Amino acid sequence: MDQNCLFCRIIRGEIPSAKVYEDEYVFAFRDINPQAPVHILVVPKTHIPCADAVDAENSVYVAKCFEAIAKIAEAEGLSNGYRVVNNCGEDGGQSVMHLHFHLIGGVKLSEKVV
């Protein structure tokens, strides 16, 4: 874990969050600036800076994130669908350099992504 990373600090409990899910690999919490009725950030419990840094040694955390996303979506009642978004790098809109996935739903989303 990175001592100065915002999401690492949230995972360690140093910064409060509205946690919705946690297991050995994954921590998930409500976004403080939701873009839809359900907007949850799903993060690996190891520090991976962005999608470019996923490799054979840490890819199990990505798989576990997607396993958790399905469980969280069901628990949140997103039976009619949802969106999963990952921003990679500054030009991709990544504001916290810790790999994370936005689980967005609870309303019919536009087909247009940007």
PDB file of N, CA and C in Angstrom:
ATOM      1  N   MET A   1       0.840  -1.183   0.000  1.00  0.00           N
ATOM      2  CA  MET A   1       0.000   0.000   0.000  1.00  0.00           C
ATOM      3  C   MET A   1       0.884   1.244   0.000  1.00  0.00           C
ATOM      4  N   ASP A   2       0.385   2.269  -0.619  1.00  0.00           N
ATOM      5  CA  ASP A   2       1.082   3.545  -0.717  1.00  0.00           C
ATOM      6  C   ASP A   2       0.647   4.431   0.459  1.00  0.00           C
ATOM      7  N   GLN A   3       1.597   4.929   1.216  1.00  0.00           N
ATOM      8  CA  GLN A   3       1.304   5.718   2.417  1.00  0.00           C
ATOM      9  C   GLN A   3       0.515   6.986   2.110  1.00  0.00           C
ATOM     10  N   ASN A   4       0.716   7.599   0.944  1.00  0.00           N
ATOM     11  CA  ASN A   4       0.083   8.874   0.628  1.00  0.00           C
ATOM     12  C   ASN A   4      -1.134   8.762  -0.283  1.00  0.00           C
ATOM     13  N   CYS A   5      -1.424   7.588  -0.784  1.00  0.00           N
ATOM     14  CA  CYS A   5      -2.539   7.391  -1.711  1.00  0.00           C
ATOM     15  C   CYS A   5      -3.876   7.539  -0.978  1.00  0.00           C
ATOM     16  N   LEU A   6      -4.760   8.363  -1.533  1.00  0.00           N
ATOM     17  CA  LEU A   6      -6.072   8.595  -0.942  1.00  0.00           C
ATOM     18  C   LEU A   6      -6.835   7.292  -0.741  1.00  0.00           C
ATOM     19  N   PHE A   7      -6.888   6.436  -1.759  1.00  0.00           N
ATOM     20  CA  PHE A   7      -7.657   5.203  -1.642  1.00  0.00           C
ATOM     21  C   PHE A   7      -6.997   4.213  -0.690  1.00  0.00           C
ATOM     22  N   CYS A   8      -5.668   4.167  -0.648  1.00  0.00           N
ATOM     23  CA  CYS A   8      -4.990   3.313   0.331  1.00  0.00           C
ATOM     24  C   CYS A   8      -5.335   3.769   1.751  1.00  0.00           C
ATOM     25  N   ARG A   9      -5.408   5.073   1.945  1.00  0.00           N
ATOM     26  CA  ARG A   9      -5.758   5.625   3.264  1.00  0.00           C
ATOM     27  C   ARG A   9      -7.210   5.295   3.619  1.00  0.00           C
ATOM     28  N   ILE A  10      -8.101   5.315   2.642  1.00  0.00           N
ATOM     29  CA  ILE A  10      -9.494   4.921   2.882  1.00  0.00           C
ATOM     30  C   ILE A  10      -9.553   3.447   3.245  1.00  0.00           C
ATOM     31  N   ILE A  11      -8.850   2.605   2.514  1.00  0.00           N
ATOM     32  CA  ILE A  11      -8.828   1.164   2.798  1.00  0.00           C
ATOM     33  C   ILE A  11      -8.323   0.898   4.208  1.00  0.00           C
ATOM     34  N   ARG A  12      -7.293   1.636   4.633  1.00  0.00           N
ATOM     35  CA  ARG A  12      -6.734   1.450   5.984  1.00  0.00           C
ATOM     36  C   ARG A  12      -7.623   2.045   7.072  1.00  0.00           C
ATOM     37  N   GLY A  13      -8.667   2.756   6.707  1.00  0.00           N
ATOM     38  CA  GLY A  13      -9.570   3.351   7.686  1.00  0.00           C
ATOM     39  C   GLY A  13      -9.113   4.697   8.212  1.00  0.00           C
ATOM     40  N   GLU A  14      -8.093   5.287   7.602  1.00  0.00           N
ATOM     41  CA  GLU A  14      -7.591   6.585   8.039  1.00  0.00           C
ATOM     42  C   GLU A  14      -8.502   7.725   7.601  1.00  0.00           C
ATOM     43  N   ILE A  15      -9.243   7.505   6.533  1.00  0.00           N
ATOM     44  CA  ILE A  15     -10.206   8.476   6.012  1.00  0.00           C
ATOM     45  C   ILE A  15     -11.555   7.771   5.976  1.00  0.00           C
ATOM     46  N   PRO A  16     -12.591   8.382   6.538  1.00  0.00           N
ATOM     47  CA  PRO A  16     -13.901   7.719   6.545  1.00  0.00           C
ATOM     48  C   PRO A  16     -14.489   7.567   5.142  1.00  0.00           C
ATOM     49  N   SER A  17     -15.288   6.529   4.970  1.00  0.00           N
ATOM     50  CA  SER A  17     -15.985   6.294   3.712  1.00  0.00           C
ATOM     51  C   SER A  17     -17.292   5.575   4.015  1.00  0.00           C
ATOM     52  N   ALA A  18     -18.183   5.595   3.047  1.00  0.00           N
ATOM     53  CA  ALA A  18     -19.444   4.861   3.160  1.00  0.00           C
ATOM     54  C   ALA A  18     -19.230   3.487   2.516  1.00  0.00           C
ATOM     55  N   LYS A  19     -18.617   2.598   3.281  1.00  0.00           N
ATOM     56  CA  LYS A  19     -18.266   1.268   2.772  1.00  0.00           C
ATOM     57  C   LYS A  19     -19.521   0.465   2.462  1.00  0.00           C
ATOM     58  N   VAL A  20     -19.505  -0.207   1.303  1.00  0.00           N
ATOM     59  CA  VAL A  20     -20.610  -1.095   0.935  1.00  0.00           C
ATOM     60  C   VAL A  20     -20.162  -2.547   0.795  1.00  0.00           C
ATOM     61  N   TYR A  21     -18.847  -2.767   0.686  1.00  0.00           N
ATOM     62  CA  TYR A  21     -18.352  -4.144   0.490  1.00  0.00           C
ATOM     63  C   TYR A  21     -16.875  -4.189   0.846  1.00  0.00           C
ATOM     64  N   GLU A  22     -16.472  -5.317   1.435  1.00  0.00           N
ATOM     65  CA  GLU A  22     -15.056  -5.547   1.688  1.00  0.00           C
ATOM     66  C   GLU A  22     -14.803  -7.037   1.788  1.00  0.00           C
ATOM     67  N   ASP A  23     -13.703  -7.467   1.188  1.00  0.00           N
ATOM     68  CA  ASP A  23     -13.213  -8.827   1.372  1.00  0.00           C
ATOM     69  C   ASP A  23     -11.685  -8.761   1.388  1.00  0.00           C
ATOM     70  N   GLU A  24     -11.037  -9.873   1.259  1.00  0.00           N
ATOM     71  CA  GLU A  24      -9.578  -9.939   1.334  1.00  0.00           C
ATOM     72  C   GLU A  24      -8.878  -9.138   0.230  1.00  0.00           C
ATOM     73  N   TYR A  25      -9.536  -9.006  -0.920  1.00  0.00           N
ATOM     74  CA  TYR A  25      -8.922  -8.389  -2.096  1.00  0.00           C
ATOM     75  C   TYR A  25      -9.486  -7.017  -2.474  1.00  0.00           C
ATOM     76  N   VAL A  26     -10.707  -6.732  -2.048  1.00  0.00           N
ATOM     77  CA  VAL A  26     -11.473  -5.610  -2.590  1.00  0.00           C
ATOM     78  C   VAL A  26     -12.089  -4.762  -1.482  1.00  0.00           C
ATOM     79  N   PHE A  27     -12.138  -3.455  -1.729  1.00  0.00           N
ATOM     80  CA  PHE A  27     -12.843  -2.517  -0.855  1.00  0.00           C
ATOM     81  C   PHE A  27     -13.729  -1.672  -1.762  1.00  0.00           C
ATOM     82  N   ALA A  28     -14.990  -1.483  -1.389  1.00  0.00           N
ATOM     83  CA  ALA A  28     -15.912  -0.694  -2.204  1.00  0.00           C
ATOM     84  C   ALA A  28     -16.665   0.289  -1.320  1.00  0.00           C
ATOM     85  N   PHE A  29     -16.831   1.504  -1.844  1.00  0.00           N
ATOM     86  CA  PHE A  29     -17.492   2.550  -1.070  1.00  0.00           C
ATOM     87  C   PHE A  29     -18.218   3.511  -2.012  1.00  0.00           C
ATOM     88  N   ARG A  30     -19.177   4.232  -1.458  1.00  0.00           N
ATOM     89  CA  ARG A  30     -19.970   5.170  -2.250  1.00  0.00           C
ATOM     90  C   ARG A  30     -19.127   6.381  -2.649  1.00  0.00           C
ATOM     91  N   ASP A  31     -19.277   6.802  -3.900  1.00  0.00           N
ATOM     92  CA  ASP A  31     -18.576   7.981  -4.411  1.00  0.00           C
ATOM     93  C   ASP A  31     -19.121   9.227  -3.716  1.00  0.00           C
ATOM     94  N   ILE A  32     -18.243  10.141  -3.340  1.00  0.00           N
ATOM     95  CA  ILE A  32     -18.690  11.358  -2.648  1.00  0.00           C
ATOM     96  C   ILE A  32     -19.328  12.366  -3.605  1.00  0.00           C
ATOM     97  N   ASN A  33     -19.173  12.142  -4.908  1.00  0.00           N
ATOM     98  CA  ASN A  33     -19.786  13.015  -5.918  1.00  0.00           C
ATOM     99  C   ASN A  33     -20.521  12.132  -6.933  1.00  0.00           C
ATOM    100  N   PRO A  34     -21.625  11.508  -6.503  1.00  0.00           N
ATOM    101  CA  PRO A  34     -22.278  10.512  -7.364  1.00  0.00           C
ATOM    102  C   PRO A  34     -22.825  11.098  -8.652  1.00  0.00           C
ATOM    103  N   GLN A  35     -22.670  10.328  -9.727  1.00  0.00           N
ATOM    104  CA  GLN A  35     -23.158  10.716 -11.043  1.00  0.00           C
ATOM    105  C   GLN A  35     -24.479  10.026 -11.387  1.00  0.00           C
ATOM    106  N   ALA A  36     -24.961   9.175 -10.483  1.00  0.00           N
ATOM    107  CA  ALA A  36     -26.213   8.441 -10.656  1.00  0.00           C
ATOM    108  C   ALA A  36     -26.680   8.024  -9.262  1.00  0.00           C
ATOM    109  N   PRO A  37     -27.919   7.525  -9.145  1.00  0.00           N
ATOM    110  CA  PRO A  37     -28.401   7.098  -7.828  1.00  0.00           C
ATOM    111  C   PRO A  37     -27.478   6.082  -7.138  1.00  0.00           C
ATOM    112  N   VAL A  38     -26.885   5.190  -7.919  1.00  0.00           N
ATOM    113  CA  VAL A  38     -25.876   4.264  -7.389  1.00  0.00           C
ATOM    114  C   VAL A  38     -24.559   4.604  -8.073  1.00  0.00           C
ATOM    115  N   HIS A  39     -23.577   4.983  -7.282  1.00  0.00           N
ATOM    116  CA  HIS A  39     -22.236   5.263  -7.807  1.00  0.00           C
ATOM    117  C   HIS A  39     -21.249   4.814  -6.739  1.00  0.00           C
ATOM    118  N   ILE A  40     -20.656   3.665  -6.978  1.00  0.00           N
ATOM    119  CA  ILE A  40     -19.778   3.015  -6.009  1.00  0.00           C
ATOM    120  C   ILE A  40     -18.401   2.837  -6.635  1.00  0.00           C
ATOM    121  N   LEU A  41     -17.368   3.137  -5.854  1.00  0.00           N
ATOM    122  CA  LEU A  41     -15.998   2.907  -6.292  1.00  0.00           C
ATOM    123  C   LEU A  41     -15.537   1.557  -5.763  1.00  0.00           C
ATOM    124  N   VAL A  42     -15.022   0.735  -6.654  1.00  0.00           N
ATOM    125  CA  VAL A  42     -14.535  -0.599  -6.318  1.00  0.00           C
ATOM    126  C   VAL A  42     -13.032  -0.589  -6.539  1.00  0.00           C
ATOM    127  N   VAL A  43     -12.265  -0.817  -5.464  1.00  0.00           N
ATOM    128  CA  VAL A  43     -10.805  -0.684  -5.541  1.00  0.00           C
ATOM    129  C   VAL A  43     -10.119  -1.945  -5.027  1.00  0.00           C
ATOM    130  N   PRO A  44      -9.011  -2.321  -5.641  1.00  0.00           N
ATOM    131  CA  PRO A  44      -8.226  -3.438  -5.107  1.00  0.00           C
ATOM    132  C   PRO A  44      -7.535  -3.011  -3.822  1.00  0.00           C
ATOM    133  N   LYS A  45      -7.341  -3.959  -2.921  1.00  0.00           N
ATOM    134  CA  LYS A  45      -6.700  -3.661  -1.638  1.00  0.00           C
ATOM    135  C   LYS A  45      -5.178  -3.661  -1.721  1.00  0.00           C
ATOM    136  N   THR A  46      -4.652  -3.726  -2.898  1.00  0.00           N
ATOM    137  CA  THR A  46      -3.225  -3.520  -3.112  1.00  0.00           C
ATOM    138  C   THR A  46      -3.085  -2.305  -4.019  1.00  0.00           C
ATOM    139  N   HIS A  47      -2.001  -1.580  -3.867  1.00  0.00           N
ATOM    140  CA  HIS A  47      -1.841  -0.364  -4.666  1.00  0.00           C
ATOM    141  C   HIS A  47      -1.376  -0.719  -6.075  1.00  0.00           C
ATOM    142  N   ILE A  48      -2.277  -0.524  -7.023  1.00  0.00           N
ATOM    143  CA  ILE A  48      -1.985  -0.638  -8.451  1.00  0.00           C
ATOM    144  C   ILE A  48      -2.315   0.743  -9.010  1.00  0.00           C
ATOM    145  N   PRO A  49      -1.339   1.468  -9.558  1.00  0.00           N
ATOM    146  CA  PRO A  49      -1.588   2.858  -9.960  1.00  0.00           C
ATOM    147  C   PRO A  49      -2.694   3.044 -10.991  1.00  0.00           C
ATOM    148  N   CYS A  50      -2.721   2.213 -12.024  1.00  0.00           N
ATOM    149  CA  CYS A  50      -3.748   2.349 -13.066  1.00  0.00           C
ATOM    150  C   CYS A  50      -3.787   1.068 -13.887  1.00  0.00           C
ATOM    151  N   ALA A  51      -4.677   1.022 -14.863  1.00  0.00           N
ATOM    152  CA  ALA A  51      -4.828  -0.183 -15.687  1.00  0.00           C
ATOM    153  C   ALA A  51      -3.533  -0.571 -16.393  1.00  0.00           C
ATOM    154  N   ASP A  52      -2.701   0.416 -16.722  1.00  0.00           N
ATOM    155  CA  ASP A  52      -1.421   0.130 -17.374  1.00  0.00           C
ATOM    156  C   ASP A  52      -0.492  -0.702 -16.492  1.00  0.00           C
ATOM    157  N   ALA A  53      -0.721  -0.688 -15.190  1.00  0.00           N
ATOM    158  CA  ALA A  53       0.159  -1.388 -14.255  1.00  0.00           C
ATOM    159  C   ALA A  53      -0.344  -2.785 -13.894  1.00  0.00           C
ATOM    160  N   VAL A  54      -1.432  -3.234 -14.491  1.00  0.00           N
ATOM    161  CA  VAL A  54      -1.933  -4.583 -14.234  1.00  0.00           C
ATOM    162  C   VAL A  54      -1.014  -5.576 -14.926  1.00  0.00           C
ATOM    163  N   ASP A  55      -0.592  -6.598 -14.175  1.00  0.00           N
ATOM    164  CA  ASP A  55       0.307  -7.614 -14.721  1.00  0.00           C
ATOM    165  C   ASP A  55      -0.049  -8.987 -14.155  1.00  0.00           C
ATOM    166  N   ALA A  56       0.726  -9.989 -14.496  1.00  0.00           N
ATOM    167  CA  ALA A  56       0.444 -11.357 -14.058  1.00  0.00           C
ATOM    168  C   ALA A  56       0.470 -11.500 -12.540  1.00  0.00           C
ATOM    169  N   GLU A  57       1.249 -10.677 -11.858  1.00  0.00           N
ATOM    170  CA  GLU A  57       1.354 -10.773 -10.395  1.00  0.00           C
ATOM    171  C   GLU A  57       0.167 -10.162  -9.664  1.00  0.00           C
ATOM    172  N   ASN A  58      -0.472  -9.142 -10.249  1.00  0.00           N
ATOM    173  CA  ASN A  58      -1.550  -8.477  -9.521  1.00  0.00           C
ATOM    174  C   ASN A  58      -2.926  -8.609 -10.183  1.00  0.00           C
ATOM    175  N   SER A  59      -3.000  -9.283 -11.314  1.00  0.00           N
ATOM    176  CA  SER A  59      -4.271  -9.360 -12.039  1.00  0.00           C
ATOM    177  C   SER A  59      -5.359 -10.087 -11.264  1.00  0.00           C
ATOM    178  N   VAL A  60      -4.995 -10.898 -10.281  1.00  0.00           N
ATOM    179  CA  VAL A  60      -6.011 -11.549  -9.455  1.00  0.00           C
ATOM    180  C   VAL A  60      -6.875 -10.506  -8.755  1.00  0.00           C
ATOM    181  N   TYR A  61      -6.296  -9.352  -8.414  1.00  0.00           N
ATOM    182  CA  TYR A  61      -7.061  -8.287  -7.763  1.00  0.00           C
ATOM    183  C   TYR A  61      -8.114  -7.711  -8.706  1.00  0.00           C
ATOM    184  N   VAL A  62      -7.795  -7.627  -9.977  1.00  0.00           N
ATOM    185  CA  VAL A  62      -8.753  -7.124 -10.965  1.00  0.00           C
ATOM    186  C   VAL A  62      -9.906  -8.117 -11.103  1.00  0.00           C
ATOM    187  N   ALA A  63      -9.573  -9.400 -11.192  1.00  0.00           N
ATOM    188  CA  ALA A  63     -10.614 -10.431 -11.272  1.00  0.00           C
ATOM    189  C   ALA A  63     -11.514 -10.372 -10.047  1.00  0.00           C
ATOM    190  N   LYS A  64     -10.922 -10.218  -8.885  1.00  0.00           N
ATOM    191  CA  LYS A  64     -11.701 -10.141  -7.643  1.00  0.00           C
ATOM    192  C   LYS A  64     -12.577  -8.886  -7.612  1.00  0.00           C
ATOM    193  N   CYS A  65     -12.097  -7.780  -8.199  1.00  0.00           N
ATOM    194  CA  CYS A  65     -12.924  -6.567  -8.292  1.00  0.00           C
ATOM    195  C   CYS A  65     -14.183  -6.857  -9.100  1.00  0.00           C
ATOM    196  N   PHE A  66     -14.020  -7.550 -10.230  1.00  0.00           N
ATOM    197  CA  PHE A  66     -15.195  -7.827 -11.059  1.00  0.00           C
ATOM    198  C   PHE A  66     -16.120  -8.844 -10.416  1.00  0.00           C
ATOM    199  N   GLU A  67     -15.589  -9.789  -9.656  1.00  0.00           N
ATOM    200  CA  GLU A  67     -16.449 -10.700  -8.892  1.00  0.00           C
ATOM    201  C   GLU A  67     -17.252  -9.902  -7.863  1.00  0.00           C
ATOM    202  N   ALA A  68     -16.595  -8.945  -7.214  1.00  0.00           N
ATOM    203  CA  ALA A  68     -17.270  -8.106  -6.222  1.00  0.00           C
ATOM    204  C   ALA A  68     -18.307  -7.205  -6.877  1.00  0.00           C
ATOM    205  N   ILE A  69     -17.999  -6.671  -8.053  1.00  0.00           N
ATOM    206  CA  ILE A  69     -18.943  -5.795  -8.746  1.00  0.00           C
ATOM    207  C   ILE A  69     -20.279  -6.507  -8.959  1.00  0.00           C
ATOM    208  N   ALA A  70     -20.248  -7.755  -9.380  1.00  0.00           N
ATOM    209  CA  ALA A  70     -21.487  -8.509  -9.589  1.00  0.00           C
ATOM    210  C   ALA A  70     -22.265  -8.655  -8.287  1.00  0.00           C
ATOM    211  N   LYS A  71     -21.576  -8.935  -7.196  1.00  0.00           N
ATOM    212  CA  LYS A  71     -22.238  -9.075  -5.890  1.00  0.00           C
ATOM    213  C   LYS A  71     -22.835  -7.743  -5.429  1.00  0.00           C
ATOM    214  N   ILE A  72     -22.073  -6.680  -5.586  1.00  0.00           N
ATOM    215  CA  ILE A  72     -22.538  -5.353  -5.162  1.00  0.00           C
ATOM    216  C   ILE A  72     -23.740  -4.923  -5.996  1.00  0.00           C
ATOM    217  N   ALA A  73     -23.665  -5.127  -7.308  1.00  0.00           N
ATOM    218  CA  ALA A  73     -24.780  -4.756  -8.190  1.00  0.00           C
ATOM    219  C   ALA A  73     -26.055  -5.474  -7.770  1.00  0.00           C
ATOM    220  N   GLU A  74     -25.944  -6.738  -7.451  1.00  0.00           N
ATOM    221  CA  GLU A  74     -27.121  -7.495  -7.005  1.00  0.00           C
ATOM    222  C   GLU A  74     -27.649  -6.924  -5.688  1.00  0.00           C
ATOM    223  N   ALA A  75     -26.745  -6.667  -4.742  1.00  0.00           N
ATOM    224  CA  ALA A  75     -27.149  -6.125  -3.442  1.00  0.00           C
ATOM    225  C   ALA A  75     -27.791  -4.744  -3.575  1.00  0.00           C
ATOM    226  N   GLU A  76     -27.375  -3.979  -4.577  1.00  0.00           N
ATOM    227  CA  GLU A  76     -27.907  -2.633  -4.800  1.00  0.00           C
ATOM    228  C   GLU A  76     -29.176  -2.651  -5.657  1.00  0.00           C
ATOM    229  N   GLY A  77     -29.614  -3.830  -6.082  1.00  0.00           N
ATOM    230  CA  GLY A  77     -30.839  -3.942  -6.865  1.00  0.00           C
ATOM    231  C   GLY A  77     -30.705  -3.515  -8.312  1.00  0.00           C
ATOM    232  N   LEU A  78     -29.510  -3.632  -8.863  1.00  0.00           N
ATOM    233  CA  LEU A  78     -29.276  -3.206 -10.251  1.00  0.00           C
ATOM    234  C   LEU A  78     -29.550  -4.338 -11.237  1.00  0.00           C
ATOM    235  N   SER A  79     -30.707  -4.985 -11.080  1.00  0.00           N
ATOM    236  CA  SER A  79     -31.042  -6.152 -11.895  1.00  0.00           C
ATOM    237  C   SER A  79     -31.315  -5.806 -13.360  1.00  0.00           C
ATOM    238  N   ASN A  80     -31.570  -4.531 -13.651  1.00  0.00           N
ATOM    239  CA  ASN A  80     -31.855  -4.141 -15.029  1.00  0.00           C
ATOM    240  C   ASN A  80     -30.628  -3.594 -15.749  1.00  0.00           C
ATOM    241  N   GLY A  81     -29.476  -3.620 -15.081  1.00  0.00           N
ATOM    242  CA  GLY A  81     -28.238  -3.202 -15.726  1.00  0.00           C
ATOM    243  C   GLY A  81     -27.511  -2.097 -14.989  1.00  0.00           C
ATOM    244  N   TYR A  82     -26.258  -1.919 -15.381  1.00  0.00           N
ATOM    245  CA  TYR A  82     -25.376  -0.927 -14.781  1.00  0.00           C
ATOM    246  C   TYR A  82     -24.177  -0.733 -15.687  1.00  0.00           C
ATOM    247  N   ARG A  83     -23.346   0.227 -15.347  1.00  0.00           N
ATOM    248  CA  ARG A  83     -22.135   0.503 -16.121  1.00  0.00           C
ATOM    249  C   ARG A  83     -20.932   0.387 -15.194  1.00  0.00           C
ATOM    250  N   VAL A  84     -19.826  -0.123 -15.733  1.00  0.00           N
ATOM    251  CA  VAL A  84     -18.548  -0.164 -15.027  1.00  0.00           C
ATOM    252  C   VAL A  84     -17.563   0.656 -15.850  1.00  0.00           C
ATOM    253  N   VAL A  85     -16.925   1.645 -15.186  1.00  0.00           N
ATOM    254  CA  VAL A  85     -16.013   2.551 -15.882  1.00  0.00           C
ATOM    255  C   VAL A  85     -14.667   2.547 -15.179  1.00  0.00           C
ATOM    256  N   ASN A  86     -13.594   2.549 -15.967  1.00  0.00           N
ATOM    257  CA  ASN A  86     -12.241   2.719 -15.438  1.00  0.00           C
ATOM    258  C   ASN A  86     -11.576   3.835 -16.234  1.00  0.00           C
ATOM    259  N   ASN A  87     -11.031   4.801 -15.523  1.00  0.00           N
ATOM    260  CA  ASN A  87     -10.268   5.877 -16.145  1.00  0.00           C
ATOM    261  C   ASN A  87      -8.789   5.577 -15.941  1.00  0.00           C
ATOM    262  N   CYS A  88      -8.002   5.702 -16.994  1.00  0.00           N
ATOM    263  CA  CYS A  88      -6.577   5.383 -16.904  1.00  0.00           C
ATOM    264  C   CYS A  88      -5.745   6.585 -17.326  1.00  0.00           C
ATOM    265  N   GLY A  89      -5.001   7.131 -16.392  1.00  0.00           N
ATOM    266  CA  GLY A  89      -4.101   8.238 -16.673  1.00  0.00           C
ATOM    267  C   GLY A  89      -4.805   9.579 -16.720  1.00  0.00           C
ATOM    268  N   GLU A  90      -4.005  10.628 -16.748  1.00  0.00           N
ATOM    269  CA  GLU A  90      -4.518  11.996 -16.713  1.00  0.00           C
ATOM    270  C   GLU A  90      -5.467  12.284 -17.867  1.00  0.00           C
ATOM    271  N   ASP A  91      -5.077  11.943 -19.104  1.00  0.00           N
ATOM    272  CA  ASP A  91      -5.941  12.207 -20.255  1.00  0.00           C
ATOM    273  C   ASP A  91      -7.195  11.335 -20.240  1.00  0.00           C
ATOM    274  N   GLY A  92      -7.146  10.219 -19.524  1.00  0.00           N
ATOM    275  CA  GLY A  92      -8.311   9.346 -19.395  1.00  0.00           C
ATOM    276  C   GLY A  92      -9.252   9.777 -18.285  1.00  0.00           C
ATOM    277  N   GLY A  93      -8.884  10.827 -17.562  1.00  0.00           N
ATOM    278  CA  GLY A  93      -9.741  11.349 -16.503  1.00  0.00           C
ATOM    279  C   GLY A  93      -9.507  10.741 -15.141  1.00  0.00           C
ATOM    280  N   GLN A  94      -8.397  10.026 -14.965  1.00  0.00           N
ATOM    281  CA  GLN A  94      -8.108   9.414 -13.662  1.00  0.00           C
ATOM    282  C   GLN A  94      -7.626  10.491 -12.693  1.00  0.00           C
ATOM    283  N   SER A  95      -8.364  10.673 -11.589  1.00  0.00           N
ATOM    284  CA  SER A  95      -8.008  11.716 -10.623  1.00  0.00           C
ATOM    285  C   SER A  95      -7.281  11.170  -9.402  1.00  0.00           C
ATOM    286  N   VAL A  96      -7.452   9.881  -9.102  1.00  0.00           N
ATOM    287  CA  VAL A  96      -6.732   9.233  -8.010  1.00  0.00           C
ATOM    288  C   VAL A  96      -5.931   8.095  -8.627  1.00  0.00           C
ATOM    289  N   MET A  97      -4.620   8.140  -8.456  1.00  0.00           N
ATOM    290  CA  MET A  97      -3.757   7.146  -9.094  1.00  0.00           C
ATOM    291  C   MET A  97      -3.690   5.841  -8.294  1.00  0.00           C
ATOM    292  N   HIS A  98      -4.850   5.235  -8.172  1.00  0.00           N
ATOM    293  CA  HIS A  98      -5.025   3.900  -7.598  1.00  0.00           C
ATOM    294  C   HIS A  98      -6.127   3.286  -8.451  1.00  0.00           C
ATOM    295  N   LEU A  99      -5.830   2.164  -9.094  1.00  0.00           N
ATOM    296  CA  LEU A  99      -6.806   1.509  -9.961  1.00  0.00           C
ATOM    297  C   LEU A  99      -8.154   1.434  -9.261  1.00  0.00           C
ATOM    298  N   HIS A 100      -9.206   1.846  -9.949  1.00  0.00           N
ATOM    299  CA  HIS A 100     -10.543   1.756  -9.383  1.00  0.00           C
ATOM    300  C   HIS A 100     -11.570   1.686 -10.504  1.00  0.00           C
ATOM    301  N   PHE A 101     -12.696   1.109 -10.151  1.00  0.00           N
ATOM    302  CA  PHE A 101     -13.789   0.937 -11.089  1.00  0.00           C
ATOM    303  C   PHE A 101     -15.021   1.640 -10.535  1.00  0.00           C
ATOM    304  N   HIS A 102     -15.678   2.429 -11.378  1.00  0.00           N
ATOM    305  CA  HIS A 102     -16.920   3.095 -11.009  1.00  0.00           C
ATOM    306  C   HIS A 102     -18.071   2.167 -11.375  1.00  0.00           C
ATOM    307  N   LEU A 103     -18.862   1.769 -10.403  1.00  0.00           N
ATOM    308  CA  LEU A 103     -20.089   1.010 -10.627  1.00  0.00           C
ATOM    309  C   LEU A 103     -21.226   2.027 -10.580  1.00  0.00           C
ATOM    310  N   ILE A 104     -21.878   2.217 -11.722  1.00  0.00           N
ATOM    311  CA  ILE A 104     -22.863   3.289 -11.877  1.00  0.00           C
ATOM    312  C   ILE A 104     -24.189   2.692 -12.351  1.00  0.00           C
ATOM    313  N   GLY A 105     -25.268   3.058 -11.671  1.00  0.00           N
ATOM    314  CA  GLY A 105     -26.575   2.553 -12.079  1.00  0.00           C
ATOM    315  C   GLY A 105     -27.700   3.162 -11.262  1.00  0.00           C
ATOM    316  N   GLY A 106     -28.834   2.479 -11.297  1.00  0.00           N
ATOM    317  CA  GLY A 106     -30.002   2.953 -10.575  1.00  0.00           C
ATOM    318  C   GLY A 106     -30.880   3.861 -11.405  1.00  0.00           C
ATOM    319  N   VAL A 107     -30.511   4.076 -12.671  1.00  0.00           N
ATOM    320  CA  VAL A 107     -31.255   4.895 -13.608  1.00  0.00           C
ATOM    321  C   VAL A 107     -30.881   4.414 -15.012  1.00  0.00           C
ATOM    322  N   LYS A 108     -31.755   4.619 -15.978  1.00  0.00           N
ATOM    323  CA  LYS A 108     -31.403   4.243 -17.352  1.00  0.00           C
ATOM    324  C   LYS A 108     -30.294   5.180 -17.833  1.00  0.00           C
ATOM    325  N   LEU A 109     -29.171   4.621 -18.185  1.00  0.00           N
ATOM    326  CA  LEU A 109     -28.005   5.399 -18.622  1.00  0.00           C
ATOM    327  C   LEU A 109     -28.027   5.583 -20.131  1.00  0.00           C
ATOM    328  N   SER A 110     -27.484   6.675 -20.574  1.00  0.00           N
ATOM    329  CA  SER A 110     -27.362   6.960 -21.996  1.00  0.00           C
ATOM    330  C   SER A 110     -26.374   5.976 -22.628  1.00  0.00           C
ATOM    331  N   GLU A 111     -26.578   5.662 -23.880  1.00  0.00           N
ATOM    332  CA  GLU A 111     -25.613   4.840 -24.601  1.00  0.00           C
ATOM    333  C   GLU A 111     -24.333   5.605 -24.858  1.00  0.00           C
ATOM    334  N   LYS A 112     -24.417   6.924 -24.852  1.00  0.00           N
ATOM    335  CA  LYS A 112     -23.246   7.754 -25.074  1.00  0.00           C
ATOM    336  C   LYS A 112     -22.386   7.759 -23.821  1.00  0.00           C
ATOM    337  N   VAL A 113     -21.104   7.465 -23.981  1.00  0.00           N
ATOM    338  CA  VAL A 113     -20.206   7.380 -22.837  1.00  0.00           C
ATOM    339  C   VAL A 113     -19.555   8.724 -22.544  1.00  0.00           C
ATOM    340  N   VAL A 114     -19.224   9.496 -23.560  1.00  0.00           N
ATOM    341  CA  VAL A 114     -18.584  10.811 -23.339  1.00  0.00           C
ATOM    342  C   VAL A 114     -19.394  11.908 -23.983  1.00  0.00           C
TER     343      VAL A 114
END
